[in-house]
Amino acid sequence: ILPQFKVQLFAVGIAIGYAAAVTIVLATLIEKLVGLRASEDEELAGLD
């Protein structure tokens, strides 16, 4: 139980750290390139 829990904990930590790091880099780059967040007018009108 404990050895397997340690393996699982390590894998969970890797998944969390890697996904978070790459996502923040991608979000920052895309926001600068094309704008990720909709404008106020677009949001008020609705995405549809």
All heavy atoms as atom14 arrays in JSON, in Angstrom:
{
  "sequence": "ILPQFKVQLFAVGIAIGYAAAVTIVLATLIEKLVGLRASEDEELAGLD",
  "atom14_mask": [
    [1, 1, 1, 1, 1, 1, 1, 1, 0, 0, 0, 0, 0, 0],
    [1, 1, 1, 1, 1, 1, 1, 1, 0, 0, 0, 0, 0, 0],
    [1, 1, 1, 1, 1, 1, 1, 0, 0, 0, 0, 0, 0, 0],
    [1, 1, 1, 1, 1, 1, 1, 1, 1, 0, 0, 0, 0, 0],
    [1, 1, 1, 1, 1, 1, 1, 1, 1, 1, 1, 0, 0, 0],
    [1, 1, 1, 1, 1, 1, 1, 1, 1, 0, 0, 0, 0, 0],
    [1, 1, 1, 1, 1, 1, 1, 0, 0, 0, 0, 0, 0, 0],
    [1, 1, 1, 1, 1, 1, 1, 1, 1, 0, 0, 0, 0, 0],
    [1, 1, 1, 1, 1, 1, 1, 1, 0, 0, 0, 0, 0, 0],
    [1, 1, 1, 1, 1, 1, 1, 1, 1, 1, 1, 0, 0, 0],
    [1, 1, 1, 1, 1, 0, 0, 0, 0, 0, 0, 0, 0, 0],
    [1, 1, 1, 1, 1, 1, 1, 0, 0, 0, 0, 0, 0, 0],
    [1, 1, 1, 1, 0, 0, 0, 0, 0, 0, 0, 0, 0, 0],
    [1, 1, 1, 1, 1, 1, 1, 1, 0, 0, 0, 0, 0, 0],
    [1, 1, 1, 1, 1, 0, 0, 0, 0, 0, 0, 0, 0, 0],
    [1, 1, 1, 1, 1, 1, 1, 1, 0, 0, 0, 0, 0, 0],
    [1, 1, 1, 1, 0, 0, 0, 0, 0, 0, 0, 0, 0, 0],
    [1, 1, 1, 1, 1, 1, 1, 1, 1, 1, 1, 1, 0, 0],
    [1, 1, 1, 1, 1, 0, 0, 0, 0, 0, 0, 0, 0, 0],
    [1, 1, 1, 1, 1, 0, 0, 0, 0, 0, 0, 0, 0, 0],
    [1, 1, 1, 1, 1, 0, 0, 0, 0, 0, 0, 0, 0, 0],
    [1, 1, 1, 1, 1, 1, 1, 0, 0, 0, 0, 0, 0, 0],
    [1, 1, 1, 1, 1, 1, 1, 0, 0, 0, 0, 0, 0, 0],
    [1, 1, 1, 1, 1, 1, 1, 1, 0, 0, 0, 0, 0, 0],
    [1, 1, 1, 1, 1, 1, 1, 0, 0, 0, 0, 0, 0, 0],
    [1, 1, 1, 1, 1, 1, 1, 1, 0, 0, 0, 0, 0, 0],
    [1, 1, 1, 1, 1, 0, 0, 0, 0, 0, 0, 0, 0, 0],
    [1, 1, 1, 1, 1, 1, 1, 0, 0, 0, 0, 0, 0, 0],
    [1, 1, 1, 1, 1, 1, 1, 1, 0, 0, 0, 0, 0, 0],
    [1, 1, 1, 1, 1, 1, 1, 1, 0, 0, 0, 0, 0, 0],
    [1, 1, 1, 1, 1, 1, 1, 1, 1, 0, 0, 0, 0, 0],
    [1, 1, 1, 1, 1, 1, 1, 1, 1, 0, 0, 0, 0, 0],
    [1, 1, 1, 1, 1, 1, 1, 1, 0, 0, 0, 0, 0, 0],
    [1, 1, 1, 1, 1, 1, 1, 0, 0, 0, 0, 0, 0, 0],
    [1, 1, 1, 1, 0, 0, 0, 0, 0, 0, 0, 0, 0, 0],
    [1, 1, 1, 1, 1, 1, 1, 1, 0, 0, 0, 0, 0, 0],
    [1, 1, 1, 1, 1, 1, 1, 1, 1, 1, 1, 0, 0, 0],
    [1, 1, 1, 1, 1, 0, 0, 0, 0, 0, 0, 0, 0, 0],
    [1, 1, 1, 1, 1, 1, 0, 0, 0, 0, 0, 0, 0, 0],
    [1, 1, 1, 1, 1, 1, 1, 1, 1, 0, 0, 0, 0, 0],
    [1, 1, 1, 1, 1, 1, 1, 1, 0, 0, 0, 0, 0, 0],
    [1, 1, 1, 1, 1, 1, 1, 1, 1, 0, 0, 0, 0, 0],
    [1, 1, 1, 1, 1, 1, 1, 1, 1, 0, 0, 0, 0, 0],
    [1, 1, 1, 1, 1, 1, 1, 1, 0, 0, 0, 0, 0, 0],
    [1, 1, 1, 1, 1, 0, 0, 0, 0, 0, 0, 0, 0, 0],
    [1, 1, 1, 1, 0, 0, 0, 0, 0, 0, 0, 0, 0, 0],
    [1, 1, 1, 1, 1, 1, 1, 1, 0, 0, 0, 0, 0, 0],
    [1, 1, 1, 1, 1, 1, 1, 1, 0, 0, 0, 0, 0, 0]
  ],
  "atom14_positions": [
    [[0.83, -1.21, 0.0], [0.0, 0.0, 0.0], [0.86, 1.26, 0.0], [0.7, 2.14, -0.86], [-0.95, 0.0, 1.22], [-1.95, -1.14, 1.11], [-1.68, 1.34, 1.31], [-2.86, -1.27, 2.31], [0.0, 0.0, 0.0], [0.0, 0.0, 0.0], [0.0, 0.0, 0.0], [0.0, 0.0, 0.0], [0.0, 0.0, 0.0], [0.0, 0.0, 0.0]],
    [[1.77, 1.37, 0.93], [2.58, 2.58, 1.03], [3.5, 2.76, -0.18], [3.56, 3.87, -0.73], [3.39, 2.57, 2.33], [4.19, 3.85, 2.62], [3.27, 5.06, 2.67], [4.95, 3.71, 3.95], [0.0, 0.0, 0.0], [0.0, 0.0, 0.0], [0.0, 0.0, 0.0], [0.0, 0.0, 0.0], [0.0, 0.0, 0.0], [0.0, 0.0, 0.0]],
    [[4.23, 1.72, -0.63], [5.06, 1.9, -1.84], [4.25, 2.32, -3.05], [4.67, 3.21, -3.81], [5.69, 0.52, -2.03], [5.71, -0.09, -0.68], [4.46, 0.4, -0.01], [0.0, 0.0, 0.0], [0.0, 0.0, 0.0], [0.0, 0.0, 0.0], [0.0, 0.0, 0.0], [0.0, 0.0, 0.0], [0.0, 0.0, 0.0], [0.0, 0.0, 0.0]],
    [[3.07, 1.72, -3.24], [2.25, 2.09, -4.39], [1.71, 3.5, -4.23], [1.64, 4.27, -5.21], [1.08, 1.12, -4.56], [0.28, 1.33, -5.84], [1.1, 1.11, -7.08], [1.76, 0.09, -7.23], [1.08, 2.06, -8.0], [0.0, 0.0, 0.0], [0.0, 0.0, 0.0], [0.0, 0.0, 0.0], [0.0, 0.0, 0.0], [0.0, 0.0, 0.0]],
    [[1.35, 3.88, -3.02], [0.88, 5.24, -2.78], [1.96, 6.26, -3.13], [1.67, 7.31, -3.71], [0.45, 5.42, -1.32], [-0.08, 6.78, -0.99], [-1.39, 7.12, -1.3], [0.73, 7.74, -0.4], [-1.88, 8.39, -1.01], [0.26, 9.0, -0.1], [-1.07, 9.33, -0.4], [0.0, 0.0, 0.0], [0.0, 0.0, 0.0], [0.0, 0.0, 0.0]],
    [[3.21, 5.96, -2.79], [4.31, 6.87, -3.11], [4.48, 7.02, -4.62], [4.72, 8.12, -5.13], [5.61, 6.37, -2.48], [5.65, 6.5, -0.97], [6.97, 5.96, -0.41], [7.04, 6.11, 1.1], [8.3, 5.56, 1.65], [0.0, 0.0, 0.0], [0.0, 0.0, 0.0], [0.0, 0.0, 0.0], [0.0, 0.0, 0.0], [0.0, 0.0, 0.0]],
    [[4.37, 5.89, -5.34], [4.46, 5.94, -6.81], [3.33, 6.79, -7.37], [3.53, 7.64, -8.26], [4.41, 4.52, -7.4], [4.29, 4.57, -8.92], [5.67, 3.74, -7.01], [0.0, 0.0, 0.0], [0.0, 0.0, 0.0], [0.0, 0.0, 0.0], [0.0, 0.0, 0.0], [0.0, 0.0, 0.0], [0.0, 0.0, 0.0], [0.0, 0.0, 0.0]],
    [[2.12, 6.56, -6.87], [0.96, 7.33, -7.35], [1.11, 8.81, -7.04], [0.79, 9.68, -7.87], [-0.32, 6.8, -6.71], [-0.67, 5.36, -7.04], [-0.88, 5.12, -8.51], [-0.13, 4.37, -9.14], [-1.89, 5.75, -9.08], [0.0, 0.0, 0.0], [0.0, 0.0, 0.0], [0.0, 0.0, 0.0], [0.0, 0.0, 0.0], [0.0, 0.0, 0.0]],
    [[1.62, 9.12, -5.86], [1.81, 10.51, -5.47], [2.81, 11.21, -6.38], [2.61, 12.36, -6.78], [2.27, 10.58, -4.01], [2.41, 11.97, -3.39], [1.07, 12.7, -3.38], [2.97, 11.86, -1.97], [0.0, 0.0, 0.0], [0.0, 0.0, 0.0], [0.0, 0.0, 0.0], [0.0, 0.0, 0.0], [0.0, 0.0, 0.0], [0.0, 0.0, 0.0]],
    [[3.88, 10.51, -6.72], [4.88, 11.08, -7.62], [4.27, 11.35, -9.0], [4.47, 12.42, -9.59], [6.07, 10.12, -7.75], [7.14, 10.62, -8.68], [8.06, 11.56, -8.27], [7.21, 10.14, -9.98], [9.05, 12.03, -9.13], [8.19, 10.6, -10.85], [9.11, 11.54, -10.43], [0.0, 0.0, 0.0], [0.0, 0.0, 0.0], [0.0, 0.0, 0.0]],
    [[3.51, 10.38, -9.52], [2.89, 10.55, -10.84], [1.89, 11.7, -10.84], [1.83, 12.49, -11.8], [2.2, 9.24, -11.25], [0.0, 0.0, 0.0], [0.0, 0.0, 0.0], [0.0, 0.0, 0.0], [0.0, 0.0, 0.0], [0.0, 0.0, 0.0], [0.0, 0.0, 0.0], [0.0, 0.0, 0.0], [0.0, 0.0, 0.0], [0.0, 0.0, 0.0]],
    [[1.1, 11.8, -9.77], [0.14, 12.9, -9.66], [0.88, 14.24, -9.63], [0.48, 15.21, -10.3], [-0.73, 12.73, -8.4], [-1.5, 14.02, -8.09], [-1.7, 11.57, -8.58], [0.0, 0.0, 0.0], [0.0, 0.0, 0.0], [0.0, 0.0, 0.0], [0.0, 0.0, 0.0], [0.0, 0.0, 0.0], [0.0, 0.0, 0.0], [0.0, 0.0, 0.0]],
    [[1.97, 14.31, -8.87], [2.75, 15.54, -8.81], [3.34, 15.93, -10.16], [3.33, 17.11, -10.53], [0.0, 0.0, 0.0], [0.0, 0.0, 0.0], [0.0, 0.0, 0.0], [0.0, 0.0, 0.0], [0.0, 0.0, 0.0], [0.0, 0.0, 0.0], [0.0, 0.0, 0.0], [0.0, 0.0, 0.0], [0.0, 0.0, 0.0], [0.0, 0.0, 0.0]],
    [[3.84, 14.94, -10.9], [4.39, 15.2, -12.24], [3.29, 15.74, -13.15], [3.49, 16.71, -13.89], [4.99, 13.92, -12.82], [6.3, 13.56, -12.1], [5.25, 14.08, -14.32], [7.45, 14.49, -12.35], [0.0, 0.0, 0.0], [0.0, 0.0, 0.0], [0.0, 0.0, 0.0], [0.0, 0.0, 0.0], [0.0, 0.0, 0.0], [0.0, 0.0, 0.0]],
    [[2.13, 15.09, -13.14], [1.03, 15.52, -14.0], [0.58, 16.94, -13.67], [0.34, 17.76, -14.57], [-0.15, 14.55, -13.87], [0.0, 0.0, 0.0], [0.0, 0.0, 0.0], [0.0, 0.0, 0.0], [0.0, 0.0, 0.0], [0.0, 0.0, 0.0], [0.0, 0.0, 0.0], [0.0, 0.0, 0.0], [0.0, 0.0, 0.0], [0.0, 0.0, 0.0]],
    [[0.48, 17.24, -12.37], [0.06, 18.58, -11.96], [1.08, 19.63, -12.38], [0.73, 20.65, -13.0], [-0.14, 18.63, -10.43], [-1.36, 17.8, -10.02], [-0.3, 20.07, -9.94], [-1.53, 17.66, -8.52], [0.0, 0.0, 0.0], [0.0, 0.0, 0.0], [0.0, 0.0, 0.0], [0.0, 0.0, 0.0], [0.0, 0.0, 0.0], [0.0, 0.0, 0.0]],
    [[2.33, 19.4, -12.05], [3.37, 20.38, -12.35], [3.56, 20.61, -13.83], [3.65, 21.76, -14.29], [0.0, 0.0, 0.0], [0.0, 0.0, 0.0], [0.0, 0.0, 0.0], [0.0, 0.0, 0.0], [0.0, 0.0, 0.0], [0.0, 0.0, 0.0], [0.0, 0.0, 0.0], [0.0, 0.0, 0.0], [0.0, 0.0, 0.0], [0.0, 0.0, 0.0]],
    [[3.6, 19.52, -14.58], [3.85, 19.65, -16.03], [2.68, 20.34, -16.73], [2.87, 21.27, -17.53], [4.09, 18.27, -16.64], [4.41, 18.33, -18.12], [5.65, 18.76, -18.56], [3.45, 17.98, -19.06], [5.94, 18.83, -19.91], [3.73, 18.05, -20.42], [4.98, 18.47, -20.84], [5.26, 18.55, -22.18], [0.0, 0.0, 0.0], [0.0, 0.0, 0.0]],
    [[1.44, 19.88, -16.44], [0.26, 20.48, -17.09], [0.14, 21.96, -16.75], [-0.16, 22.79, -17.62], [-1.0, 19.73, -16.68], [0.0, 0.0, 0.0], [0.0, 0.0, 0.0], [0.0, 0.0, 0.0], [0.0, 0.0, 0.0], [0.0, 0.0, 0.0], [0.0, 0.0, 0.0], [0.0, 0.0, 0.0], [0.0, 0.0, 0.0], [0.0, 0.0, 0.0]],
    [[0.38, 22.32, -15.49], [0.26, 23.72, -15.07], [1.31, 24.59, -15.75], [0.99, 25.68, -16.25], [0.4, 23.82, -13.55], [0.0, 0.0, 0.0], [0.0, 0.0, 0.0], [0.0, 0.0, 0.0], [0.0, 0.0, 0.0], [0.0, 0.0, 0.0], [0.0, 0.0, 0.0], [0.0, 0.0, 0.0], [0.0, 0.0, 0.0], [0.0, 0.0, 0.0]],
    [[2.55, 24.11, -15.8], [3.64, 24.91, -16.38], [3.42, 25.16, -17.86], [3.55, 26.31, -18.34], [4.97, 24.2, -16.15], [0.0, 0.0, 0.0], [0.0, 0.0, 0.0], [0.0, 0.0, 0.0], [0.0, 0.0, 0.0], [0.0, 0.0, 0.0], [0.0, 0.0, 0.0], [0.0, 0.0, 0.0], [0.0, 0.0, 0.0], [0.0, 0.0, 0.0]],
    [[3.09, 24.12, -18.61], [2.92, 24.28, -20.06], [1.68, 25.12, -20.35], [1.68, 25.96, -21.26], [2.82, 22.92, -20.76], [2.6, 23.1, -22.27], [4.1, 22.11, -20.53], [0.0, 0.0, 0.0], [0.0, 0.0, 0.0], [0.0, 0.0, 0.0], [0.0, 0.0, 0.0], [0.0, 0.0, 0.0], [0.0, 0.0, 0.0], [0.0, 0.0, 0.0]],
    [[0.63, 24.95, -19.58], [-0.61, 25.7, -19.81], [-0.41, 27.19, -19.61], [-0.9, 28.0, -20.41], [-1.73, 25.19, -18.89], [-1.98, 23.81, -19.17], [-3.02, 25.98, -19.09], [0.0, 0.0, 0.0], [0.0, 0.0, 0.0], [0.0, 0.0, 0.0], [0.0, 0.0, 0.0], [0.0, 0.0, 0.0], [0.0, 0.0, 0.0], [0.0, 0.0, 0.0]],
    [[0.31, 27.58, -18.57], [0.51, 29.01, -18.33], [1.37, 29.63, -19.43], [1.12, 30.77, -19.86], [1.14, 29.27, -16.93], [1.09, 30.76, -16.59], [2.56, 28.75, -16.85], [-0.27, 31.33, -16.45], [0.0, 0.0, 0.0], [0.0, 0.0, 0.0], [0.0, 0.0, 0.0], [0.0, 0.0, 0.0], [0.0, 0.0, 0.0], [0.0, 0.0, 0.0]],
    [[2.33, 28.89, -19.94], [3.16, 29.39, -21.06], [2.3, 29.55, -22.31], [2.35, 30.58, -22.99], [4.35, 28.45, -21.32], [5.07, 28.86, -22.61], [5.32, 28.47, -20.15], [0.0, 0.0, 0.0], [0.0, 0.0, 0.0], [0.0, 0.0, 0.0], [0.0, 0.0, 0.0], [0.0, 0.0, 0.0], [0.0, 0.0, 0.0], [0.0, 0.0, 0.0]],
    [[1.5, 28.53, -22.63], [0.64, 28.6, -23.81], [-0.37, 29.74, -23.7], [-0.59, 30.49, -24.66], [-0.1, 27.27, -23.99], [0.72, 26.07, -24.46], [-0.15, 24.83, -24.52], [1.36, 26.33, -25.81], [0.0, 0.0, 0.0], [0.0, 0.0, 0.0], [0.0, 0.0, 0.0], [0.0, 0.0, 0.0], [0.0, 0.0, 0.0], [0.0, 0.0, 0.0]],
    [[-1.0, 29.88, -22.55], [-1.99, 30.94, -22.36], [-1.36, 32.32, -22.54], [-1.95, 33.21, -23.19], [-2.62, 30.83, -20.98], [0.0, 0.0, 0.0], [0.0, 0.0, 0.0], [0.0, 0.0, 0.0], [0.0, 0.0, 0.0], [0.0, 0.0, 0.0], [0.0, 0.0, 0.0], [0.0, 0.0, 0.0], [0.0, 0.0, 0.0], [0.0, 0.0, 0.0]],
    [[-0.18, 32.5, -22.0], [0.51, 33.79, -22.11], [0.85, 34.1, -23.56], [0.62, 35.23, -24.05], [1.8, 33.77, -21.27], [1.47, 33.49, -19.91], [2.5, 35.12, -21.35], [0.0, 0.0, 0.0], [0.0, 0.0, 0.0], [0.0, 0.0, 0.0], [0.0, 0.0, 0.0], [0.0, 0.0, 0.0], [0.0, 0.0, 0.0], [0.0, 0.0, 0.0]],
    [[1.37, 33.12, -24.29], [1.75, 33.33, -25.68], [0.53, 33.6, -26.57], [0.54, 34.52, -27.4], [2.52, 32.13, -26.21], [3.92, 31.91, -25.63], [4.52, 30.61, -26.15], [4.84, 33.08, -25.95], [0.0, 0.0, 0.0], [0.0, 0.0, 0.0], [0.0, 0.0, 0.0], [0.0, 0.0, 0.0], [0.0, 0.0, 0.0], [0.0, 0.0, 0.0]],
    [[-0.53, 32.83, -26.38], [-1.72, 33.0, -27.21], [-2.41, 34.33, -26.9], [-2.91, 35.01, -27.81], [-2.69, 31.82, -27.0], [-2.05, 30.53, -27.54], [-4.03, 32.07, -27.69], [-2.83, 29.28, -27.22], [0.0, 0.0, 0.0], [0.0, 0.0, 0.0], [0.0, 0.0, 0.0], [0.0, 0.0, 0.0], [0.0, 0.0, 0.0], [0.0, 0.0, 0.0]],
    [[-2.4, 34.73, -25.65], [-2.98, 36.02, -25.28], [-2.25, 37.16, -25.99], [-2.87, 38.12, -26.48], [-2.93, 36.21, -23.77], [-3.44, 37.55, -23.27], [-4.91, 37.79, -23.55], [-5.68, 36.81, -23.62], [-5.29, 38.96, -23.69], [0.0, 0.0, 0.0], [0.0, 0.0, 0.0], [0.0, 0.0, 0.0], [0.0, 0.0, 0.0], [0.0, 0.0, 0.0]],
    [[-0.94, 37.05, -26.07], [-0.15, 38.1, -26.73], [-0.3, 38.06, -28.24], [-0.29, 39.09, -28.91], [1.32, 37.96, -26.34], [1.6, 38.32, -24.88], [3.08, 38.22, -24.57], [3.36, 38.64, -23.12], [4.81, 38.54, -22.78], [0.0, 0.0, 0.0], [0.0, 0.0, 0.0], [0.0, 0.0, 0.0], [0.0, 0.0, 0.0], [0.0, 0.0, 0.0]],
    [[-0.45, 36.87, -28.79], [-0.53, 36.73, -30.25], [-1.89, 37.12, -30.81], [-1.98, 37.92, -31.76], [-0.21, 35.29, -30.65], [1.25, 34.85, -30.55], [1.37, 33.36, -30.81], [2.12, 35.64, -31.54], [0.0, 0.0, 0.0], [0.0, 0.0, 0.0], [0.0, 0.0, 0.0], [0.0, 0.0, 0.0], [0.0, 0.0, 0.0], [0.0, 0.0, 0.0]],
    [[-2.97, 36.55, -30.26], [-4.29, 36.77, -30.85], [-5.34, 37.23, -29.85], [-6.45, 37.62, -30.24], [-4.79, 35.49, -31.56], [-3.89, 35.12, -32.72], [-4.9, 34.34, -30.58], [0.0, 0.0, 0.0], [0.0, 0.0, 0.0], [0.0, 0.0, 0.0], [0.0, 0.0, 0.0], [0.0, 0.0, 0.0], [0.0, 0.0, 0.0], [0.0, 0.0, 0.0]],
    [[-5.02, 37.22, -28.56], [-6.01, 37.59, -27.55], [-6.87, 36.39, -27.18], [-7.73, 35.97, -27.96], [0.0, 0.0, 0.0], [0.0, 0.0, 0.0], [0.0, 0.0, 0.0], [0.0, 0.0, 0.0], [0.0, 0.0, 0.0], [0.0, 0.0, 0.0], [0.0, 0.0, 0.0], [0.0, 0.0, 0.0], [0.0, 0.0, 0.0], [0.0, 0.0, 0.0]],
    [[-6.65, 35.84, -26.0], [-7.4, 34.65, -25.57], [-8.75, 35.04, -24.96], [-9.76, 34.39, -25.23], [-6.56, 33.88, -24.54], [-7.09, 32.54, -24.04], [-7.31, 31.58, -25.2], [-6.13, 31.94, -23.02], [0.0, 0.0, 0.0], [0.0, 0.0, 0.0], [0.0, 0.0, 0.0], [0.0, 0.0, 0.0], [0.0, 0.0, 0.0], [0.0, 0.0, 0.0]],
    [[-8.78, 36.09, -24.2], [-10.01, 36.53, -23.53], [-10.86, 37.35, -24.49], [-10.37, 38.21, -25.23], [-9.64, 37.38, -22.32], [-10.8, 38.09, -21.62], [-11.49, 37.21, -20.63], [-12.73, 37.79, -20.13], [-13.03, 37.94, -18.85], [-12.18, 37.58, -17.92], [-14.2, 38.43, -18.49], [0.0, 0.0, 0.0], [0.0, 0.0, 0.0], [0.0, 0.0, 0.0]],
    [[-12.14, 37.07, -24.52], [-13.07, 37.85, -25.33], [-13.15, 39.28, -24.79], [-12.96, 39.52, -23.6], [-14.45, 37.21, -25.32], [0.0, 0.0, 0.0], [0.0, 0.0, 0.0], [0.0, 0.0, 0.0], [0.0, 0.0, 0.0], [0.0, 0.0, 0.0], [0.0, 0.0, 0.0], [0.0, 0.0, 0.0], [0.0, 0.0, 0.0], [0.0, 0.0, 0.0]],
    [[-13.43, 40.23, -25.68], [-13.57, 41.63, -25.26], [-14.88, 41.8, -24.48], [-15.74, 40.92, -24.48], [-13.58, 42.54, -26.48], [-14.77, 42.34, -27.24], [0.0, 0.0, 0.0], [0.0, 0.0, 0.0], [0.0, 0.0, 0.0], [0.0, 0.0, 0.0], [0.0, 0.0, 0.0], [0.0, 0.0, 0.0], [0.0, 0.0, 0.0], [0.0, 0.0, 0.0]],
    [[-15.01, 42.93, -23.82], [-16.23, 43.19, -23.05], [-17.47, 43.17, -23.93], [-18.5, 42.61, -23.54], [-16.11, 44.54, -22.33], [-15.11, 44.55, -21.19], [-15.17, 45.84, -20.4], [-16.07, 46.68, -20.69], [-14.35, 46.01, -19.47], [0.0, 0.0, 0.0], [0.0, 0.0, 0.0], [0.0, 0.0, 0.0], [0.0, 0.0, 0.0], [0.0, 0.0, 0.0]],
    [[-17.36, 43.78, -25.1], [-18.51, 43.79, -26.02], [-18.86, 42.39, -26.48], [-20.05, 42.04, -26.58], [-18.2, 44.68, -27.24], [-18.16, 46.16, -26.89], [-18.7, 46.53, -25.82], [-17.59, 46.94, -27.67], [0.0, 0.0, 0.0], [0.0, 0.0, 0.0], [0.0, 0.0, 0.0], [0.0, 0.0, 0.0], [0.0, 0.0, 0.0], [0.0, 0.0, 0.0]],
    [[-17.84, 41.58, -26.78], [-18.09, 40.2, -27.22], [-18.73, 39.38, -26.11], [-19.65, 38.59, -26.35], [-16.76, 39.56, -27.65], [-16.2, 40.11, -28.95], [-14.8, 39.6, -29.25], [-14.06, 39.28, -28.28], [-14.44, 39.52, -30.44], [0.0, 0.0, 0.0], [0.0, 0.0, 0.0], [0.0, 0.0, 0.0], [0.0, 0.0, 0.0], [0.0, 0.0, 0.0]],
    [[-18.26, 39.59, -24.9], [-18.81, 38.84, -23.78], [-20.24, 39.26, -23.47], [-21.1, 38.42, -23.17], [-17.92, 39.03, -22.55], [-18.27, 38.11, -21.4], [-17.3, 38.2, -20.23], [-16.14, 38.62, -20.44], [-17.71, 37.88, -19.1], [0.0, 0.0, 0.0], [0.0, 0.0, 0.0], [0.0, 0.0, 0.0], [0.0, 0.0, 0.0], [0.0, 0.0, 0.0]],
    [[-20.52, 40.55, -23.56], [-21.89, 41.04, -23.31], [-22.86, 40.52, -24.36], [-23.99, 40.15, -24.05], [-21.9, 42.57, -23.28], [-21.35, 43.23, -22.02], [-21.22, 44.73, -22.22], [-22.24, 42.92, -20.82], [0.0, 0.0, 0.0], [0.0, 0.0, 0.0], [0.0, 0.0, 0.0], [0.0, 0.0, 0.0], [0.0, 0.0, 0.0], [0.0, 0.0, 0.0]],
    [[-22.4, 40.49, -25.62], [-23.26, 40.0, -26.7], [-23.48, 38.49, -26.6], [-24.5, 37.96, -27.06], [-22.64, 40.34, -28.05], [0.0, 0.0, 0.0], [0.0, 0.0, 0.0], [0.0, 0.0, 0.0], [0.0, 0.0, 0.0], [0.0, 0.0, 0.0], [0.0, 0.0, 0.0], [0.0, 0.0, 0.0], [0.0, 0.0, 0.0], [0.0, 0.0, 0.0]],
    [[-22.53, 37.81, -25.99], [-22.59, 36.35, -25.9], [-21.73, 35.72, -26.96], [-21.59, 36.24, -28.07], [0.0, 0.0, 0.0], [0.0, 0.0, 0.0], [0.0, 0.0, 0.0], [0.0, 0.0, 0.0], [0.0, 0.0, 0.0], [0.0, 0.0, 0.0], [0.0, 0.0, 0.0], [0.0, 0.0, 0.0], [0.0, 0.0, 0.0], [0.0, 0.0, 0.0]],
    [[-21.14, 34.57, -26.63], [-20.25, 33.91, -27.58], [-20.98, 33.38, -28.8], [-20.41, 33.31, -29.89], [-19.52, 32.76, -26.88], [-18.65, 33.11, -25.67], [-17.88, 31.88, -25.22], [-17.69, 34.25, -26.0], [0.0, 0.0, 0.0], [0.0, 0.0, 0.0], [0.0, 0.0, 0.0], [0.0, 0.0, 0.0], [0.0, 0.0, 0.0], [0.0, 0.0, 0.0]],
    [[-22.26, 33.03, -28.64], [-23.01, 32.51, -29.78], [-22.99, 33.51, -30.94], [-22.7, 33.14, -32.08], [-24.46, 32.22, -29.39], [-24.57, 31.07, -28.41], [-23.52, 30.54, -27.99], [-25.71, 30.7, -28.06], [0.0, 0.0, 0.0], [0.0, 0.0, 0.0], [0.0, 0.0, 0.0], [0.0, 0.0, 0.0], [0.0, 0.0, 0.0], [0.0, 0.0, 0.0]]
  ]
}
